[in-house]
Structure formats: C-alpha cells, structure tokens
Amino acid sequence: IVEENALQVHIASLRKALGEDAALLETIRGV
C-alpha cells in the first residue's frame, strides 16, 4: 500500500529523464 505521492515522485523523475519528450507523459488531473 503506497501513498499517491510515491507515484507522483516517480512520474516527476520520468519527466526529468525524458527531457524534451516529457510533454508526451500527460497528467490527467484527478484521474
């Protein structure tokens, strides 16, 4: 059982790793 912020932390690291392609990883707010 993990908190939502664990997922957010990994998504942020993915966006950083993707660099100029970070916009391809879209957040659908609340979903």
PDB file of all heavy atoms in Angstrom:
ATOM      1  N   ILE A   1       0.873  -1.158   0.000  1.00  0.00           N
ATOM      2  CA  ILE A   1       0.000   0.000   0.000  1.00  0.00           C
ATOM      3  C   ILE A   1       0.918   1.218   0.000  1.00  0.00           C
ATOM      4  O   ILE A   1       1.748   1.366   0.905  1.00  0.00           O
ATOM      5  CB  ILE A   1      -0.916   0.013   1.236  1.00  0.00           C
ATOM      6  CG1 ILE A   1      -1.848  -1.199   1.196  1.00  0.00           C
ATOM      7  CG2 ILE A   1      -1.713   1.312   1.297  1.00  0.00           C
ATOM      8  CD1 ILE A   1      -2.679  -1.385   2.441  1.00  0.00           C
ATOM      9  N   VAL A   2       0.811   2.040  -1.042  1.00  0.00           N
ATOM     10  CA  VAL A   2       1.667   3.224  -1.145  1.00  0.00           C
ATOM     11  C   VAL A   2       0.799   4.458  -1.280  1.00  0.00           C
ATOM     12  O   VAL A   2      -0.319   4.402  -1.793  1.00  0.00           O
ATOM     13  CB  VAL A   2       2.654   3.135  -2.336  1.00  0.00           C
ATOM     14  CG1 VAL A   2       3.634   2.002  -2.157  1.00  0.00           C
ATOM     15  CG2 VAL A   2       1.929   2.994  -3.652  1.00  0.00           C
ATOM     16  N   GLU A   3       1.335   5.556  -0.830  1.00  0.00           N
ATOM     17  CA  GLU A   3       0.610   6.819  -0.940  1.00  0.00           C
ATOM     18  C   GLU A   3       0.728   7.377  -2.352  1.00  0.00           C
ATOM     19  O   GLU A   3       1.654   7.041  -3.087  1.00  0.00           O
ATOM     20  CB  GLU A   3       1.172   7.812   0.069  1.00  0.00           C
ATOM     21  CG  GLU A   3       0.915   7.380   1.498  1.00  0.00           C
ATOM     22  CD  GLU A   3       1.349   8.426   2.501  1.00  0.00           C
ATOM     23  OE1 GLU A   3       1.388   9.612   2.141  1.00  0.00           O
ATOM     24  OE2 GLU A   3       1.622   8.027   3.641  1.00  0.00           O
ATOM     25  N   GLU A   4      -0.200   8.242  -2.677  1.00  0.00           N
ATOM     26  CA  GLU A   4      -0.239   8.835  -4.012  1.00  0.00           C
ATOM     27  C   GLU A   4       1.054   9.586  -4.335  1.00  0.00           C
ATOM     28  O   GLU A   4       1.496   9.596  -5.474  1.00  0.00           O
ATOM     29  CB  GLU A   4      -1.437   9.773  -4.123  1.00  0.00           C
ATOM     30  CG  GLU A   4      -1.653  10.289  -5.515  1.00  0.00           C
ATOM     31  CD  GLU A   4      -2.946  11.053  -5.655  1.00  0.00           C
ATOM     32  OE1 GLU A   4      -3.925  10.709  -4.995  1.00  0.00           O
ATOM     33  OE2 GLU A   4      -2.940  12.016  -6.440  1.00  0.00           O
ATOM     34  N   ASN A   5       1.665  10.189  -3.333  1.00  0.00           N
ATOM     35  CA  ASN A   5       2.875  10.966  -3.622  1.00  0.00           C
ATOM     36  C   ASN A   5       4.031  10.086  -4.101  1.00  0.00           C
ATOM     37  O   ASN A   5       4.924  10.571  -4.791  1.00  0.00           O
ATOM     38  CB  ASN A   5       3.278  11.836  -2.439  1.00  0.00           C
ATOM     39  CG  ASN A   5       3.803  11.043  -1.266  1.00  0.00           C
ATOM     40  OD1 ASN A   5       3.520   9.857  -1.113  1.00  0.00           O
ATOM     41  ND2 ASN A   5       4.557  11.712  -0.410  1.00  0.00           N
ATOM     42  N   ALA A   6       4.037   8.797  -3.783  1.00  0.00           N
ATOM     43  CA  ALA A   6       5.076   7.897  -4.293  1.00  0.00           C
ATOM     44  C   ALA A   6       4.997   7.834  -5.812  1.00  0.00           C
ATOM     45  O   ALA A   6       6.027   7.903  -6.505  1.00  0.00           O
ATOM     46  CB  ALA A   6       4.942   6.508  -3.689  1.00  0.00           C
ATOM     47  N   LEU A   7       3.803   7.734  -6.341  1.00  0.00           N
ATOM     48  CA  LEU A   7       3.606   7.719  -7.784  1.00  0.00           C
ATOM     49  C   LEU A   7       4.018   9.060  -8.386  1.00  0.00           C
ATOM     50  O   LEU A   7       4.713   9.102  -9.408  1.00  0.00           O
ATOM     51  CB  LEU A   7       2.145   7.401  -8.108  1.00  0.00           C
ATOM     52  CG  LEU A   7       1.762   7.299  -9.573  1.00  0.00           C
ATOM     53  CD1 LEU A   7       2.611   6.267 -10.297  1.00  0.00           C
ATOM     54  CD2 LEU A   7       0.280   6.973  -9.695  1.00  0.00           C
ATOM     55  N   GLN A   8       3.642  10.150  -7.738  1.00  0.00           N
ATOM     56  CA  GLN A   8       3.995  11.486  -8.238  1.00  0.00           C
ATOM     57  C   GLN A   8       5.507  11.679  -8.296  1.00  0.00           C
ATOM     58  O   GLN A   8       6.019  12.285  -9.248  1.00  0.00           O
ATOM     59  CB  GLN A   8       3.359  12.558  -7.361  1.00  0.00           C
ATOM     60  CG  GLN A   8       1.854  12.608  -7.477  1.00  0.00           C
ATOM     61  CD  GLN A   8       1.211  13.500  -6.433  1.00  0.00           C
ATOM     62  OE1 GLN A   8       1.828  13.878  -5.447  1.00  0.00           O
ATOM     63  NE2 GLN A   8      -0.053  13.831  -6.642  1.00  0.00           N
ATOM     64  N   VAL A   9       6.224  11.179  -7.319  1.00  0.00           N
ATOM     65  CA  VAL A   9       7.686  11.299  -7.294  1.00  0.00           C
ATOM     66  C   VAL A   9       8.298  10.570  -8.490  1.00  0.00           C
ATOM     67  O   VAL A   9       9.180  11.097  -9.169  1.00  0.00           O
ATOM     68  CB  VAL A   9       8.258  10.752  -5.964  1.00  0.00           C
ATOM     69  CG1 VAL A   9       9.760  10.542  -6.038  1.00  0.00           C
ATOM     70  CG2 VAL A   9       7.897  11.683  -4.820  1.00  0.00           C
ATOM     71  N   HIS A  10       7.795   9.384  -8.785  1.00  0.00           N
ATOM     72  CA  HIS A  10       8.336   8.617  -9.913  1.00  0.00           C
ATOM     73  C   HIS A  10       7.949   9.233 -11.251  1.00  0.00           C
ATOM     74  O   HIS A  10       8.754   9.224 -12.193  1.00  0.00           O
ATOM     75  CB  HIS A  10       7.899   7.160  -9.819  1.00  0.00           C
ATOM     76  CG  HIS A  10       8.568   6.427  -8.703  1.00  0.00           C
ATOM     77  ND1 HIS A  10       9.899   6.092  -8.724  1.00  0.00           N
ATOM     78  CD2 HIS A  10       8.099   5.994  -7.518  1.00  0.00           C
ATOM     79  CE1 HIS A  10      10.218   5.478  -7.611  1.00  0.00           C
ATOM     80  NE2 HIS A  10       9.137   5.405  -6.852  1.00  0.00           N
ATOM     81  N   ILE A  11       6.759   9.782 -11.347  1.00  0.00           N
ATOM     82  CA  ILE A  11       6.356  10.473 -12.574  1.00  0.00           C
ATOM     83  C   ILE A  11       7.262  11.688 -12.804  1.00  0.00           C
ATOM     84  O   ILE A  11       7.711  11.943 -13.929  1.00  0.00           O
ATOM     85  CB  ILE A  11       4.868  10.893 -12.525  1.00  0.00           C
ATOM     86  CG1 ILE A  11       3.949   9.664 -12.551  1.00  0.00           C
ATOM     87  CG2 ILE A  11       4.526  11.877 -13.636  1.00  0.00           C
ATOM     88  CD1 ILE A  11       3.904   8.909 -13.870  1.00  0.00           C
ATOM     89  N   ALA A  12       7.568  12.422 -11.745  1.00  0.00           N
ATOM     90  CA  ALA A  12       8.472  13.579 -11.866  1.00  0.00           C
ATOM     91  C   ALA A  12       9.851  13.138 -12.329  1.00  0.00           C
ATOM     92  O   ALA A  12      10.455  13.796 -13.193  1.00  0.00           O
ATOM     93  CB  ALA A  12       8.558  14.317 -10.529  1.00  0.00           C
ATOM     94  N   SER A  13      10.344  12.030 -11.813  1.00  0.00           N
ATOM     95  CA  SER A  13      11.672  11.550 -12.247  1.00  0.00           C
ATOM     96  C   SER A  13      11.630  11.075 -13.693  1.00  0.00           C
ATOM     97  O   SER A  13      12.596  11.263 -14.438  1.00  0.00           O
ATOM     98  CB  SER A  13      12.206  10.459 -11.318  1.00  0.00           C
ATOM     99  OG  SER A  13      11.506   9.251 -11.499  1.00  0.00           O
ATOM    100  N   LEU A  14      10.513  10.485 -14.104  1.00  0.00           N
ATOM    101  CA  LEU A  14      10.364  10.091 -15.504  1.00  0.00           C
ATOM    102  C   LEU A  14      10.374  11.305 -16.428  1.00  0.00           C
ATOM    103  O   LEU A  14      11.037  11.293 -17.467  1.00  0.00           O
ATOM    104  CB  LEU A  14       9.049   9.329 -15.712  1.00  0.00           C
ATOM    105  CG  LEU A  14       9.072   7.849 -15.438  1.00  0.00           C
ATOM    106  CD1 LEU A  14       7.664   7.282 -15.440  1.00  0.00           C
ATOM    107  CD2 LEU A  14       9.940   7.135 -16.450  1.00  0.00           C
ATOM    108  N   ARG A  15       9.656  12.335 -16.044  1.00  0.00           N
ATOM    109  CA  ARG A  15       9.636  13.552 -16.874  1.00  0.00           C
ATOM    110  C   ARG A  15      11.033  14.148 -17.003  1.00  0.00           C
ATOM    111  O   ARG A  15      11.433  14.588 -18.068  1.00  0.00           O
ATOM    112  CB  ARG A  15       8.662  14.568 -16.302  1.00  0.00           C
ATOM    113  CG  ARG A  15       7.228  14.191 -16.558  1.00  0.00           C
ATOM    114  CD  ARG A  15       6.285  15.360 -16.337  1.00  0.00           C
ATOM    115  NE  ARG A  15       4.956  14.990 -16.771  1.00  0.00           N
ATOM    116  CZ  ARG A  15       3.937  14.781 -15.953  1.00  0.00           C
ATOM    117  NH1 ARG A  15       4.083  14.953 -14.653  1.00  0.00           N
ATOM    118  NH2 ARG A  15       2.755  14.431 -16.433  1.00  0.00           N
ATOM    119  N   LYS A  16      11.766  14.151 -15.922  1.00  0.00           N
ATOM    120  CA  LYS A  16      13.136  14.671 -15.958  1.00  0.00           C
ATOM    121  C   LYS A  16      13.991  13.820 -16.892  1.00  0.00           C
ATOM    122  O   LYS A  16      14.751  14.337 -17.702  1.00  0.00           O
ATOM    123  CB  LYS A  16      13.719  14.683 -14.548  1.00  0.00           C
ATOM    124  CG  LYS A  16      15.076  15.300 -14.470  1.00  0.00           C
ATOM    125  CD  LYS A  16      15.557  15.395 -13.043  1.00  0.00           C
ATOM    126  CE  LYS A  16      16.936  16.024 -13.007  1.00  0.00           C
ATOM    127  NZ  LYS A  16      17.455  16.116 -11.638  1.00  0.00           N
ATOM    128  N   ALA A  17      13.848  12.503 -16.799  1.00  0.00           N
ATOM    129  CA  ALA A  17      14.631  11.600 -17.645  1.00  0.00           C
ATOM    130  C   ALA A  17      14.246  11.724 -19.122  1.00  0.00           C
ATOM    131  O   ALA A  17      15.097  11.570 -19.998  1.00  0.00           O
ATOM    132  CB  ALA A  17      14.441  10.156 -17.176  1.00  0.00           C
ATOM    133  N   LEU A  18      12.971  12.017 -19.400  1.00  0.00           N
ATOM    134  CA  LEU A  18      12.514  12.139 -20.783  1.00  0.00           C
ATOM    135  C   LEU A  18      12.947  13.446 -21.439  1.00  0.00           C
ATOM    136  O   LEU A  18      12.926  13.556 -22.662  1.00  0.00           O
ATOM    137  CB  LEU A  18      10.993  12.007 -20.845  1.00  0.00           C
ATOM    138  CG  LEU A  18      10.440  10.620 -20.531  1.00  0.00           C
ATOM    139  CD1 LEU A  18       8.913  10.668 -20.466  1.00  0.00           C
ATOM    140  CD2 LEU A  18      10.913   9.594 -21.535  1.00  0.00           C
ATOM    141  N   GLY A  19      13.312  14.434 -20.657  1.00  0.00           N
ATOM    142  CA  GLY A  19      13.797  15.702 -21.211  1.00  0.00           C
ATOM    143  C   GLY A  19      12.785  16.337 -22.142  1.00  0.00           C
ATOM    144  O   GLY A  19      11.652  16.602 -21.751  1.00  0.00           O
ATOM    145  N   GLU A  20      13.188  16.567 -23.410  1.00  0.00           N
ATOM    146  CA  GLU A  20      12.309  17.243 -24.359  1.00  0.00           C
ATOM    147  C   GLU A  20      11.057  16.431 -24.698  1.00  0.00           C
ATOM    148  O   GLU A  20      10.104  16.966 -25.255  1.00  0.00           O
ATOM    149  CB  GLU A  20      13.054  17.615 -25.647  1.00  0.00           C
ATOM    150  CG  GLU A  20      13.373  16.448 -26.552  1.00  0.00           C
ATOM    151  CD  GLU A  20      14.716  15.783 -26.302  1.00  0.00           C
ATOM    152  OE1 GLU A  20      15.416  16.147 -25.346  1.00  0.00           O
ATOM    153  OE2 GLU A  20      15.068  14.881 -27.085  1.00  0.00           O
ATOM    154  N   ASP A  21      11.043  15.145 -24.372  1.00  0.00           N
ATOM    155  CA  ASP A  21       9.860  14.318 -24.607  1.00  0.00           C
ATOM    156  C   ASP A  21       8.933  14.253 -23.395  1.00  0.00           C
ATOM    157  O   ASP A  21       7.942  13.524 -23.410  1.00  0.00           O
ATOM    158  CB  ASP A  21      10.280  12.892 -24.998  1.00  0.00           C
ATOM    159  CG  ASP A  21      10.941  12.828 -26.361  1.00  0.00           C
ATOM    160  OD1 ASP A  21      10.626  13.694 -27.212  1.00  0.00           O
ATOM    161  OD2 ASP A  21      11.765  11.930 -26.581  1.00  0.00           O
ATOM    162  N   ALA A  22       9.220  15.012 -22.361  1.00  0.00           N
ATOM    163  CA  ALA A  22       8.426  14.965 -21.125  1.00  0.00           C
ATOM    164  C   ALA A  22       6.961  15.304 -21.376  1.00  0.00           C
ATOM    165  O   ALA A  22       6.077  14.778 -20.687  1.00  0.00           O
ATOM    166  CB  ALA A  22       9.018  15.912 -20.082  1.00  0.00           C
ATOM    167  N   ALA A  23       6.676  16.129 -22.362  1.00  0.00           N
ATOM    168  CA  ALA A  23       5.289  16.514 -22.643  1.00  0.00           C
ATOM    169  C   ALA A  23       4.448  15.339 -23.137  1.00  0.00           C
ATOM    170  O   ALA A  23       3.220  15.400 -23.110  1.00  0.00           O
ATOM    171  CB  ALA A  23       5.256  17.640 -23.674  1.00  0.00           C
ATOM    172  N   LEU A  24       5.101  14.262 -23.571  1.00  0.00           N
ATOM    173  CA  LEU A  24       4.364  13.078 -24.015  1.00  0.00           C
ATOM    174  C   LEU A  24       3.752  12.317 -22.839  1.00  0.00           C
ATOM    175  O   LEU A  24       2.858  11.498 -23.031  1.00  0.00           O
ATOM    176  CB  LEU A  24       5.282  12.140 -24.807  1.00  0.00           C
ATOM    177  CG  LEU A  24       5.863  12.716 -26.092  1.00  0.00           C
ATOM    178  CD1 LEU A  24       6.824  11.729 -26.727  1.00  0.00           C
ATOM    179  CD2 LEU A  24       4.753  13.101 -27.058  1.00  0.00           C
ATOM    180  N   LEU A  25       4.232  12.583 -21.642  1.00  0.00           N
ATOM    181  CA  LEU A  25       3.698  11.973 -20.426  1.00  0.00           C
ATOM    182  C   LEU A  25       2.743  12.983 -19.798  1.00  0.00           C
ATOM    183  O   LEU A  25       3.143  13.919 -19.132  1.00  0.00           O
ATOM    184  CB  LEU A  25       4.836  11.619 -19.470  1.00  0.00           C
ATOM    185  CG  LEU A  25       4.465  10.988 -18.136  1.00  0.00           C
ATOM    186  CD1 LEU A  25       3.544   9.794 -18.316  1.00  0.00           C
ATOM    187  CD2 LEU A  25       5.725  10.586 -17.403  1.00  0.00           C
ATOM    188  N   GLU A  26       1.466  12.794 -20.076  1.00  0.00           N
ATOM    189  CA  GLU A  26       0.459  13.786 -19.691  1.00  0.00           C
ATOM    190  C   GLU A  26      -0.259  13.378 -18.409  1.00  0.00           C
ATOM    191  O   GLU A  26      -0.641  12.220 -18.236  1.00  0.00           O
ATOM    192  CB  GLU A  26      -0.564  13.951 -20.812  1.00  0.00           C
ATOM    193  CG  GLU A  26      -1.576  15.020 -20.552  1.00  0.00           C
ATOM    194  CD  GLU A  26      -2.527  15.229 -21.724  1.00  0.00           C
ATOM    195  OE1 GLU A  26      -2.277  14.707 -22.814  1.00  0.00           O
ATOM    196  OE2 GLU A  26      -3.532  15.924 -21.520  1.00  0.00           O
ATOM    197  N   THR A  27      -0.436  14.355 -17.529  1.00  0.00           N
ATOM    198  CA  THR A  27      -1.238  14.156 -16.325  1.00  0.00           C
ATOM    199  C   THR A  27      -2.685  14.471 -16.649  1.00  0.00           C
ATOM    200  O   THR A  27      -2.981  15.532 -17.192  1.00  0.00           O
ATOM    201  CB  THR A  27      -0.769  15.093 -15.187  1.00  0.00           C
ATOM    202  OG1 THR A  27       0.593  14.803 -14.884  1.00  0.00           O
ATOM    203  CG2 THR A  27      -1.621  14.916 -13.944  1.00  0.00           C
ATOM    204  N   ILE A  28      -3.559  13.545 -16.324  1.00  0.00           N
ATOM    205  CA  ILE A  28      -4.992  13.775 -16.452  1.00  0.00           C
ATOM    206  C   ILE A  28      -5.470  14.032 -15.028  1.00  0.00           C
ATOM    207  O   ILE A  28      -5.643  13.091 -14.241  1.00  0.00           O
ATOM    208  CB  ILE A  28      -5.718  12.563 -17.086  1.00  0.00           C
ATOM    209  CG1 ILE A  28      -5.024  12.117 -18.377  1.00  0.00           C
ATOM    210  CG2 ILE A  28      -7.184  12.888 -17.300  1.00  0.00           C
ATOM    211  CD1 ILE A  28      -4.877  13.172 -19.451  1.00  0.00           C
ATOM    212  N   ARG A  29      -5.592  15.287 -14.703  1.00  0.00           N
ATOM    213  CA  ARG A  29      -5.840  15.725 -13.322  1.00  0.00           C
ATOM    214  C   ARG A  29      -6.985  14.967 -12.659  1.00  0.00           C
ATOM    215  O   ARG A  29      -8.071  14.862 -13.195  1.00  0.00           O
ATOM    216  CB  ARG A  29      -6.126  17.221 -13.317  1.00  0.00           C
ATOM    217  CG  ARG A  29      -5.785  17.869 -11.994  1.00  0.00           C
ATOM    218  CD  ARG A  29      -5.906  19.362 -12.023  1.00  0.00           C
ATOM    219  NE  ARG A  29      -4.799  20.149 -12.507  1.00  0.00           N
ATOM    220  CZ  ARG A  29      -3.596  20.243 -11.958  1.00  0.00           C
ATOM    221  NH1 ARG A  29      -3.303  19.514 -10.925  1.00  0.00           N
ATOM    222  NH2 ARG A  29      -2.687  21.045 -12.453  1.00  0.00           N
ATOM    223  N   GLY A  30      -6.674  14.419 -11.491  1.00  0.00           N
ATOM    224  CA  GLY A  30      -7.661  13.703 -10.701  1.00  0.00           C
ATOM    225  C   GLY A  30      -7.951  12.291 -11.168  1.00  0.00           C
ATOM    226  O   GLY A  30      -8.723  11.577 -10.539  1.00  0.00           O
ATOM    227  N   VAL A  31      -7.338  11.884 -12.290  1.00  0.00           N
ATOM    228  CA  VAL A  31      -7.635  10.560 -12.847  1.00  0.00           C
ATOM    229  C   VAL A  31      -6.391   9.690 -12.933  1.00  0.00           C
ATOM    230  O   VAL A  31      -6.322   8.614 -12.346  1.00  0.00           O
ATOM    231  CB  VAL A  31      -8.286  10.680 -14.249  1.00  0.00           C
ATOM    232  CG1 VAL A  31      -8.579   9.311 -14.825  1.00  0.00           C
ATOM    233  CG2 VAL A  31      -9.549  11.520 -14.185  1.00  0.00           C
TER     234      VAL A  31
END
